[in-house]
């Protein structure tokens, strides 16, 4: 499992893949997977990589790391799209404007609480 995650470039290093397996962040067909778990074509793999949970279906099993164009052909990405509210607008201040005044702070707090 850890070798396949690393080979298809879902994780940067094989150590990261093994740590994800040990931490319970990888599931194969709904069951927790250890680093030594074998994958076969047709398996559904759920792996939490960083803050994103990737859901992929295994198409081809490889043992050695390949380039990104070849790695994409080894799985079908079934990761759901993030909800649109996940991309909230960020209030931006002009560079060099200094700290916000009391009035600015009240406006910011009102905006964050949904008052505007």
C-alpha atoms as a PDB file:
ATOM      1  CA  UNK A   1       0.000   0.000   0.000  1.00  0.00           C
ATOM      2  CA  UNK A   2       2.646   2.537   0.976  1.00  0.00           C
ATOM      3  CA  UNK A   3       4.699   1.692  -2.108  1.00  0.00           C
ATOM      4  CA  UNK A   4       1.687   2.126  -4.405  1.00  0.00           C
ATOM      5  CA  UNK A   5       0.694   5.481  -2.835  1.00  0.00           C
ATOM      6  CA  UNK A   6       4.248   6.713  -3.355  1.00  0.00           C
ATOM      7  CA  UNK A   7       4.580   5.226  -6.865  1.00  0.00           C
ATOM      8  CA  UNK A   8       1.429   6.942  -8.184  1.00  0.00           C
ATOM      9  CA  UNK A   9       2.475  10.222  -6.541  1.00  0.00           C
ATOM     10  CA  UNK A  10      -0.357  10.580  -4.023  1.00  0.00           C
ATOM     11  CA  UNK A  11       2.301  11.150  -1.351  1.00  0.00           C
ATOM     12  CA  UNK A  12       5.675  12.828  -1.722  1.00  0.00           C
ATOM     13  CA  UNK A  13       7.690  10.161   0.061  1.00  0.00           C
ATOM     14  CA  UNK A  14       7.219   6.523   0.938  1.00  0.00           C
ATOM     15  CA  UNK A  15       7.771   7.457   4.586  1.00  0.00           C
ATOM     16  CA  UNK A  16       4.778   9.823   4.398  1.00  0.00           C
ATOM     17  CA  UNK A  17       2.688   7.025   2.899  1.00  0.00           C
ATOM     18  CA  UNK A  18       3.682   4.586   5.659  1.00  0.00           C
ATOM     19  CA  UNK A  19       2.956   7.208   8.329  1.00  0.00           C
ATOM     20  CA  UNK A  20      -0.504   7.810   6.830  1.00  0.00           C
ATOM     21  CA  UNK A  21      -1.187   4.071   6.958  1.00  0.00           C
ATOM     22  CA  UNK A  22      -0.001   3.844  10.586  1.00  0.00           C
ATOM     23  CA  UNK A  23      -2.132   6.838  11.534  1.00  0.00           C
ATOM     24  CA  UNK A  24      -5.288   5.283  10.087  1.00  0.00           C
ATOM     25  CA  UNK A  25      -5.593   7.815   7.260  1.00  0.00           C
ATOM     26  CA  UNK A  26      -5.682   5.186   4.501  1.00  0.00           C
ATOM     27  CA  UNK A  27      -8.606   2.834   3.813  1.00  0.00           C
ATOM     28  CA  UNK A  28      -8.954   0.170   1.155  1.00  0.00           C
ATOM     29  CA  UNK A  29     -12.546  -0.796   0.333  1.00  0.00           C
ATOM     30  CA  UNK A  30     -13.694   0.826   3.591  1.00  0.00           C
ATOM     31  CA  UNK A  31     -11.261  -1.058   5.847  1.00  0.00           C
ATOM     32  CA  UNK A  32      -8.182   0.483   7.516  1.00  0.00           C
ATOM     33  CA  UNK A  33      -5.035  -0.409   5.578  1.00  0.00           C
ATOM     34  CA  UNK A  34      -1.575  -1.169   6.869  1.00  0.00           C
ATOM     35  CA  UNK A  35       1.543  -0.258   4.918  1.00  0.00           C
ATOM     36  CA  UNK A  36       1.950  -3.900   3.799  1.00  0.00           C
ATOM     37  CA  UNK A  37      -1.620  -4.223   2.447  1.00  0.00           C
ATOM     38  CA  UNK A  38      -1.739  -5.379  -1.176  1.00  0.00           C
ATOM     39  CA  UNK A  39      -3.919  -3.509  -3.646  1.00  0.00           C
ATOM     40  CA  UNK A  40      -5.532  -4.992  -6.725  1.00  0.00           C
ATOM     41  CA  UNK A  41      -7.222  -3.350  -9.704  1.00  0.00           C
ATOM     42  CA  UNK A  42     -10.753  -2.338  -8.785  1.00  0.00           C
ATOM     43  CA  UNK A  43      -9.982  -1.465  -5.141  1.00  0.00           C
ATOM     44  CA  UNK A  44     -11.213   1.860  -3.775  1.00  0.00           C
ATOM     45  CA  UNK A  45      -8.518   3.694  -1.821  1.00  0.00           C
ATOM     46  CA  UNK A  46      -9.311   6.609   0.498  1.00  0.00           C
ATOM     47  CA  UNK A  47      -6.202   8.454   1.614  1.00  0.00           C
ATOM     48  CA  UNK A  48      -6.062  11.681   3.596  1.00  0.00           C
ATOM     49  CA  UNK A  49      -3.143  13.607   2.160  1.00  0.00           C
ATOM     50  CA  UNK A  50      -2.585  16.852   4.023  1.00  0.00           C
ATOM     51  CA  UNK A  51      -6.010  18.415   4.523  1.00  0.00           C
ATOM     52  CA  UNK A  52      -7.611  16.720   1.503  1.00  0.00           C
ATOM     53  CA  UNK A  53      -9.133  13.248   1.428  1.00  0.00           C
ATOM     54  CA  UNK A  54      -8.419  11.639  -1.937  1.00  0.00           C
ATOM     55  CA  UNK A  55     -10.712   8.870  -3.186  1.00  0.00           C
ATOM     56  CA  UNK A  56      -9.221   6.853  -6.039  1.00  0.00           C
ATOM     57  CA  UNK A  57      -9.981   3.583  -7.788  1.00  0.00           C
ATOM     58  CA  UNK A  58      -6.967   1.403  -8.584  1.00  0.00           C
ATOM     59  CA  UNK A  59      -6.652   0.684 -12.315  1.00  0.00           C
ATOM     60  CA  UNK A  60      -3.096  -0.627 -12.452  1.00  0.00           C
ATOM     61  CA  UNK A  61      -0.660  -1.734  -9.763  1.00  0.00           C
ATOM     62  CA  UNK A  62       2.923  -0.515 -10.111  1.00  0.00           C
ATOM     63  CA  UNK A  63       5.923  -1.009  -7.847  1.00  0.00           C
ATOM     64  CA  UNK A  64       8.308   1.725  -8.999  1.00  0.00           C
ATOM     65  CA  UNK A  65       7.723   5.474  -9.047  1.00  0.00           C
ATOM     66  CA  UNK A  66       6.915   6.822 -12.494  1.00  0.00           C
ATOM     67  CA  UNK A  67       6.439  10.254 -13.994  1.00  0.00           C
ATOM     68  CA  UNK A  68       3.267  12.210 -13.321  1.00  0.00           C
ATOM     69  CA  UNK A  69       1.668  11.568 -16.761  1.00  0.00           C
ATOM     70  CA  UNK A  70       2.136   7.803 -16.315  1.00  0.00           C
ATOM     71  CA  UNK A  71       1.051   7.863 -12.650  1.00  0.00           C
ATOM     72  CA  UNK A  72      -2.333   9.388 -13.518  1.00  0.00           C
ATOM     73  CA  UNK A  73      -3.132   6.360 -15.697  1.00  0.00           C
ATOM     74  CA  UNK A  74      -2.811   4.018 -12.687  1.00  0.00           C
ATOM     75  CA  UNK A  75      -5.945   5.281 -10.930  1.00  0.00           C
ATOM     76  CA  UNK A  76      -9.292   6.964 -11.496  1.00  0.00           C
ATOM     77  CA  UNK A  77      -9.761   9.994  -9.262  1.00  0.00           C
ATOM     78  CA  UNK A  78     -13.196   9.932  -7.611  1.00  0.00           C
ATOM     79  CA  UNK A  79     -12.495  12.691  -5.097  1.00  0.00           C
ATOM     80  CA  UNK A  80     -15.649  14.798  -4.571  1.00  0.00           C
ATOM     81  CA  UNK A  81     -15.442  18.482  -5.445  1.00  0.00           C
ATOM     82  CA  UNK A  82     -15.103  20.825  -2.428  1.00  0.00           C
ATOM     83  CA  UNK A  83     -18.243  22.775  -1.527  1.00  0.00           C
ATOM     84  CA  UNK A  84     -18.359  26.301  -2.959  1.00  0.00           C
ATOM     85  CA  UNK A  85     -18.558  27.952   0.477  1.00  0.00           C
ATOM     86  CA  UNK A  86     -15.086  26.575   1.277  1.00  0.00           C
ATOM     87  CA  UNK A  87     -13.636  29.442  -0.754  1.00  0.00           C
ATOM     88  CA  UNK A  88     -14.753  32.420   1.345  1.00  0.00           C
ATOM     89  CA  UNK A  89     -13.537  35.844   0.246  1.00  0.00           C
ATOM     90  CA  UNK A  90     -10.612  37.177   2.216  1.00  0.00           C
ATOM     91  CA  UNK A  91     -10.584  40.791   3.312  1.00  0.00           C
ATOM     92  CA  UNK A  92      -7.420  42.461   2.026  1.00  0.00           C
ATOM     93  CA  UNK A  93      -5.731  45.571   3.354  1.00  0.00           C
ATOM     94  CA  UNK A  94      -3.401  47.816   1.428  1.00  0.00           C
ATOM     95  CA  UNK A  95       0.251  47.054   1.976  1.00  0.00           C
ATOM     96  CA  UNK A  96       1.775  49.471   4.478  1.00  0.00           C
ATOM     97  CA  UNK A  97      -1.628  50.593   5.811  1.00  0.00           C
ATOM     98  CA  UNK A  98      -0.579  49.724   9.349  1.00  0.00           C
ATOM     99  CA  UNK A  99      -2.748  48.238  12.056  1.00  0.00           C
ATOM    100  CA  UNK A 100      -6.524  48.587  11.825  1.00  0.00           C
ATOM    101  CA  UNK A 101      -8.113  51.376  13.836  1.00  0.00           C
ATOM    102  CA  UNK A 102     -10.920  50.750  16.343  1.00  0.00           C
ATOM    103  CA  UNK A 103     -13.456  51.628  13.673  1.00  0.00           C
ATOM    104  CA  UNK A 104     -11.791  49.258  11.176  1.00  0.00           C
ATOM    105  CA  UNK A 105     -11.805  46.500  13.808  1.00  0.00           C
ATOM    106  CA  UNK A 106     -15.548  46.967  14.425  1.00  0.00           C
ATOM    107  CA  UNK A 107     -16.237  46.726  10.695  1.00  0.00           C
ATOM    108  CA  UNK A 108     -14.099  43.582  10.421  1.00  0.00           C
ATOM    109  CA  UNK A 109     -15.823  41.954  13.416  1.00  0.00           C
ATOM    110  CA  UNK A 110     -19.238  42.830  11.996  1.00  0.00           C
ATOM    111  CA  UNK A 111     -18.253  41.331   8.639  1.00  0.00           C
ATOM    112  CA  UNK A 112     -16.980  38.103  10.210  1.00  0.00           C
ATOM    113  CA  UNK A 113     -20.140  37.638  12.283  1.00  0.00           C
ATOM    114  CA  UNK A 114     -22.274  37.943   9.143  1.00  0.00           C
ATOM    115  CA  UNK A 115     -23.660  41.367   9.992  1.00  0.00           C
ATOM    116  CA  UNK A 116     -22.959  42.914   6.577  1.00  0.00           C
END
